[in-house]
Protein backbone atom coordinates (compact mmCIF):
# COMPACT_ATOMS: atom_id res chain seq x y z
CA MET A 1 -22.29 2.75 12.37
CA PRO A 2 -20.28 1.14 9.56
CA VAL A 3 -17.68 -1.44 10.48
CA ALA A 4 -14.98 -2.49 8.00
CA LYS A 5 -13.26 -5.80 8.73
CA HIS A 6 -9.68 -6.63 7.77
CA GLU A 7 -10.33 -10.09 6.42
CA LYS A 8 -6.78 -11.45 6.87
CA THR A 9 -6.46 -10.43 10.52
CA ALA A 10 -8.52 -9.86 13.63
CA TYR A 11 -8.66 -6.12 12.87
CA GLN A 12 -11.89 -4.17 12.69
CA PHE A 13 -12.23 -0.53 11.63
CA THR A 14 -15.10 1.27 13.34
CA MET A 15 -15.72 4.36 11.24
CA TYR A 16 -17.73 7.50 11.87
CA ALA A 17 -17.50 9.40 8.59
CA ARG A 18 -19.36 12.18 10.38
CA ALA A 19 -17.91 12.50 13.84
CA ASP A 20 -21.00 14.31 15.11
CA GLU A 21 -22.72 10.91 14.97
CA VAL A 22 -20.51 9.52 17.76
CA PRO A 23 -22.80 9.04 20.78
CA ALA A 24 -22.21 11.81 23.30
CA ASP A 25 -21.61 9.37 26.13
CA ARG A 26 -18.72 7.72 24.24
CA ARG A 27 -16.83 10.81 23.16
CA SER A 28 -14.63 11.53 26.18
CA ALA A 29 -13.57 7.90 26.53
CA MET A 30 -12.80 7.71 22.80
CA LEU A 31 -10.46 10.72 22.93
CA ALA A 32 -8.79 9.36 26.07
CA GLN A 33 -8.11 6.11 24.17
CA CYS A 34 -6.55 8.11 21.34
CA ASP A 35 -4.17 9.79 23.79
CA GLU A 36 -3.30 6.44 25.36
CA ILE A 37 -2.39 5.01 21.94
CA LEU A 38 -0.43 8.14 21.03
CA GLY A 39 1.52 8.07 24.29
CA ALA A 40 2.96 4.64 23.50
CA SER A 41 5.26 6.18 20.86
CA TRP A 42 5.34 9.89 21.70
CA HIS A 43 6.52 11.93 24.67
CA MET A 44 3.51 14.05 25.69
CA THR A 45 3.55 17.07 27.97
CA GLY A 46 -0.22 16.82 28.39
CA PRO A 47 -3.39 15.60 26.69
CA VAL A 48 -3.48 16.04 22.92
CA TRP A 49 -6.97 14.81 22.01
CA ALA A 50 -8.70 14.49 25.38
CA GLY A 51 -11.02 17.43 25.88
CA ARG A 52 -11.04 18.46 22.21
CA GLN A 53 -14.77 18.10 21.72
CA SER A 54 -14.52 20.20 18.55
CA VAL A 55 -13.48 17.07 16.63
CA PHE A 56 -17.05 15.81 16.97
CA GLY A 57 -18.25 18.24 14.32
CA GLU A 58 -19.88 17.33 11.02
CA ASN A 59 -16.68 18.19 9.11
CA TYR A 60 -14.60 15.62 11.01
CA GLY A 61 -14.36 11.86 10.72
CA ILE A 62 -13.00 9.31 13.19
CA VAL A 63 -11.88 5.71 12.71
CA LEU A 64 -10.98 3.38 15.56
CA VAL A 65 -8.91 0.26 14.87
CA LEU A 66 -9.76 -2.70 17.08
CA CYS A 67 -7.98 -6.00 17.53
CA GLU A 68 -9.87 -8.62 19.52
CA ASP A 69 -12.22 -5.83 20.60
CA GLU A 70 -9.39 -3.72 22.06
CA PRO A 71 -8.48 -0.30 20.56
CA VAL A 72 -5.02 -0.44 18.96
CA GLY A 73 -5.14 2.52 16.57
CA PHE A 74 -7.10 5.55 15.45
CA SER A 75 -7.37 8.20 12.77
CA ILE A 76 -9.00 11.61 13.00
CA TYR A 77 -9.50 13.60 9.82
CA GLN A 78 -11.09 16.85 8.74
CA ARG A 79 -12.85 18.19 5.64
CA LEU A 80 -12.47 21.81 4.58
CA THR A 81 -13.06 23.87 1.46
CA VAL A 82 -10.77 26.62 0.19
CA ASP A 83 -12.27 28.36 -2.85
CA ASP A 84 -13.03 25.50 -5.26
CA SER A 85 -10.67 23.04 -3.57
CA ARG A 86 -12.13 20.42 -1.24
CA VAL A 87 -9.37 19.27 1.08
CA LEU A 88 -9.22 16.12 3.21
CA TYR A 89 -6.77 16.62 6.10
CA ARG A 90 -5.39 13.75 8.17
CA ALA A 91 -5.31 15.45 11.56
CA GLY A 92 -3.87 12.50 13.48
CA THR A 93 -3.27 8.78 13.04
CA HIS A 94 -1.40 6.34 15.24
CA PHE A 95 -1.14 2.68 16.22
CA LEU A 96 0.26 0.87 19.22
CA PRO A 97 3.84 -0.30 18.51
CA ALA A 98 2.86 -3.98 18.28
CA HIS A 99 0.49 -3.13 15.44
CA GLN A 100 2.78 -0.90 13.40
CA ASP A 101 4.41 -2.03 10.12
CA ARG A 102 1.39 -4.20 9.26
CA GLY A 103 -0.01 -2.09 6.43
CA LEU A 104 -2.70 -0.56 8.63
CA TYR A 105 -1.87 3.02 7.69
CA SER A 106 -2.39 2.47 3.96
CA ARG A 107 -5.49 0.39 4.69
CA LEU A 108 -6.95 3.24 6.72
CA ARG A 109 -5.93 5.77 4.06
CA ASP A 110 -7.80 3.84 1.39
CA LEU A 111 -10.88 3.34 3.57
CA ILE A 112 -11.11 7.02 4.50
CA ILE A 113 -10.53 8.43 1.02
CA SER A 114 -12.78 5.88 -0.69
CA THR A 115 -15.57 6.70 1.75
CA GLU A 116 -15.16 10.41 1.07
CA LEU A 117 -15.25 9.80 -2.69
CA TYR A 118 -18.31 7.57 -2.81
CA GLU A 119 -20.47 8.38 0.20
CA THR A 120 -22.33 11.28 -1.41
CA GLU A 121 -24.53 11.96 1.62
CA LEU A 122 -21.49 13.47 3.36
CA GLY A 123 -22.12 16.59 1.27
CA GLY A 124 -19.70 19.11 -0.20
CA GLY A 125 -18.58 16.88 -3.05
CA PRO A 126 -15.61 14.50 -3.22
CA PRO A 127 -12.22 15.73 -2.04
CA THR A 128 -9.90 17.15 -4.68
CA HIS A 129 -6.85 17.52 -2.45
CA TYR A 130 -5.25 15.63 0.43
CA ALA A 131 -3.13 17.15 3.21
CA TRP A 132 -1.10 15.90 6.15
CA ARG A 133 1.65 16.98 8.55
CA THR A 134 4.42 14.62 9.60
CA ARG A 135 8.09 13.98 10.26
CA ASN A 136 7.60 10.27 9.56
CA PRO A 137 9.01 9.24 6.16
CA ILE A 138 6.70 6.21 6.00
CA VAL A 139 3.61 8.40 6.41
CA TRP A 140 4.86 10.91 3.86
CA ALA A 141 5.62 8.28 1.20
CA THR A 142 2.37 6.39 1.81
CA ASN A 143 0.28 9.52 1.35
CA ALA A 144 2.27 11.00 -1.54
CA ARG A 145 1.76 7.74 -3.44
CA VAL A 146 -1.94 8.50 -4.00
CA CYS A 147 -1.43 12.03 -5.31
CA ARG A 148 -0.98 13.15 -8.92
CA SER A 149 1.31 15.88 -7.67
CA VAL A 150 2.40 16.93 -4.21
CA VAL A 151 4.24 19.69 -2.34
CA PRO A 152 6.88 19.36 -1.26
CA SER A 153 7.84 16.96 -4.04
CA LEU A 154 10.73 15.46 -2.12
CA LEU A 155 11.74 12.83 -4.66
CA ASP A 156 12.21 15.10 -7.68
CA GLY A 157 12.37 18.60 -6.18
CA ALA A 158 9.64 19.95 -8.48
CA VAL A 159 7.78 23.02 -7.21
CA ASP A 160 4.12 23.45 -8.15
CA SER A 161 3.44 27.08 -7.26
CA ARG A 162 -0.33 26.55 -7.40
CA LEU A 163 -0.16 23.73 -4.85
CA VAL A 164 2.28 25.69 -2.69
CA GLU A 165 -0.16 28.59 -2.44
CA LEU A 166 -3.09 26.28 -1.64
CA ALA A 167 -1.00 24.48 0.98
CA ARG A 168 -0.06 27.80 2.56
CA ARG A 169 -3.71 28.81 2.83
CA VAL A 170 -4.78 25.43 4.21
CA ALA A 171 -1.98 25.49 6.79
CA ASP A 172 -3.03 28.99 7.88
CA ILE A 173 -6.55 27.69 8.53
CA LEU A 174 -5.55 24.47 10.29
CA HIS A 175 -2.48 25.68 12.18
CA PRO A 176 -2.73 29.48 12.53
CA HIS A 177 -0.12 29.53 15.32
CA ASN A 178 2.54 27.62 13.36
CA ALA A 179 4.91 29.21 10.86
CA LEU A 180 5.26 27.54 7.45
CA GLU A 181 8.40 27.90 5.35
CA VAL A 182 7.78 27.85 1.60
CA PRO A 183 8.52 26.23 -0.75
CA SER A 184 10.19 23.66 1.58
CA MET A 185 6.89 23.32 3.52
CA ILE A 186 8.78 22.95 6.78
CA MET A 187 6.76 23.79 9.89
CA PRO A 188 9.56 24.38 12.43
CA ASP A 189 7.52 24.28 15.65
CA ALA A 190 4.79 21.86 14.62
CA TYR A 191 5.02 19.54 17.60
CA ARG A 192 6.25 22.00 20.20
CA THR A 193 2.92 23.81 20.22
CA VAL A 194 1.04 20.57 20.95
CA GLY A 195 3.61 19.17 23.38
CA LEU A 196 4.71 16.14 21.36
CA ALA A 197 8.05 14.52 20.52
CA TYR A 198 8.73 11.07 19.10
CA LYS A 199 10.34 8.63 21.51
CA ALA A 200 12.18 7.15 18.50
CA GLN A 201 12.27 8.81 15.08
CA PRO A 202 10.62 6.52 12.49
CA ARG A 203 12.81 5.35 9.61
CA HIS A 204 11.99 4.22 6.07
CA ARG A 205 13.43 1.01 4.65
CA ASP A 206 14.12 2.78 1.33
CA PRO A 207 17.40 4.65 2.03
CA ARG A 208 16.60 7.33 -0.53
CA ILE A 209 13.33 8.27 1.20
CA ASP A 210 14.82 7.85 4.67
CA ALA A 211 17.66 10.25 3.85
CA LEU A 212 15.15 12.95 2.88
CA PHE A 213 14.08 13.01 6.52
CA ALA A 214 17.02 11.74 8.58
CA GLY A 215 19.45 13.84 6.54
CA ASN A 216 17.32 16.99 6.37
CA PRO A 217 18.87 19.75 8.55
CA ALA A 218 15.48 21.47 8.79
CA LEU A 219 14.14 18.39 10.59
CA ALA A 220 17.01 18.14 13.08
CA ASP A 221 14.77 19.84 15.65
CA PRO A 222 12.38 17.10 16.86
CA SER A 223 9.57 19.70 16.91
CA ALA A 224 9.78 20.28 13.15
CA ALA A 225 7.50 18.62 10.60
CA ILE A 226 6.71 18.78 6.90
CA PHE A 227 3.27 20.05 5.91
CA SER A 228 2.23 18.39 2.65
CA LEU A 229 -0.64 18.82 0.22
CA GLY A 230 -1.32 16.89 -2.96
CA GLU A 231 -3.87 16.64 -5.73
CA LEU A 232 -5.66 13.33 -5.20
CA ASP A 233 -5.45 10.69 -7.91
CA HIS A 234 -9.03 9.39 -7.84
CA GLN A 235 -8.13 6.44 -10.07
CA HIS A 236 -6.23 4.96 -7.14
CA PHE A 237 -9.54 4.42 -5.34
CA PRO A 238 -12.00 2.18 -7.19
CA VAL A 239 -15.48 1.76 -5.77
CA MET A 240 -15.23 -0.25 -2.56
CA ILE A 241 -16.17 -3.87 -3.22
CA GLY A 242 -15.75 -6.71 -0.76
CA MET A 243 -14.74 -4.42 2.11
CA GLY A 244 -16.80 -6.53 4.52
CA THR A 245 -18.75 -3.45 5.61
CA GLY A 246 -21.77 -3.91 7.79
CA THR A 247 -23.61 -2.34 10.68
CA GLU A 248 -22.78 -2.69 14.32
């Protein structure tokens, strides 16, 4: 399995670009670790990932973040195709509080997308679009930064009707039991259906971006989230050189 090392820290990223390659005897423990990490920052009414063996399909990928051989973060993502659009969806990413605000989210983002762009054996072609669901302004801004265009375009209010329609269709596939308001892309009951609520709402250090979330009446309900989809800017992801990849 490929292992990507964070050269400036003790972090290691253990990546399964095809989650069906995770050994069967490690799967249950891996999902239990994901729930343990998630529970450090979220109120949970029950397991979120534990028992969801469907994530070990060929269209999913999983990355574990280790620090001194202990799991401190994870990301689970999914590949899907809608007509001619190949979408990469970040299904869930989290880090233990002591390891947040260290640039790990953007590092993981770049590793995952670069792998999808250049590892041709994954099949299906490189992703053209990138989707995520969040009420975290840091996550939204970090992901929007690598898109040519995005919905909702919170910073300038532009509405790309083509992207809105694609986002609606992708959301229907991924979250068929959640309503989606367009063009605001608010999903009012996003976290209620999975039994999650932040223990403390994340804030962004840029007051303009922070206000788009903290001051948004549609996000006053802690169960609400924004479903976003953007057209990936491939130029943001040069071929991976010096990643320190190897084999475990």
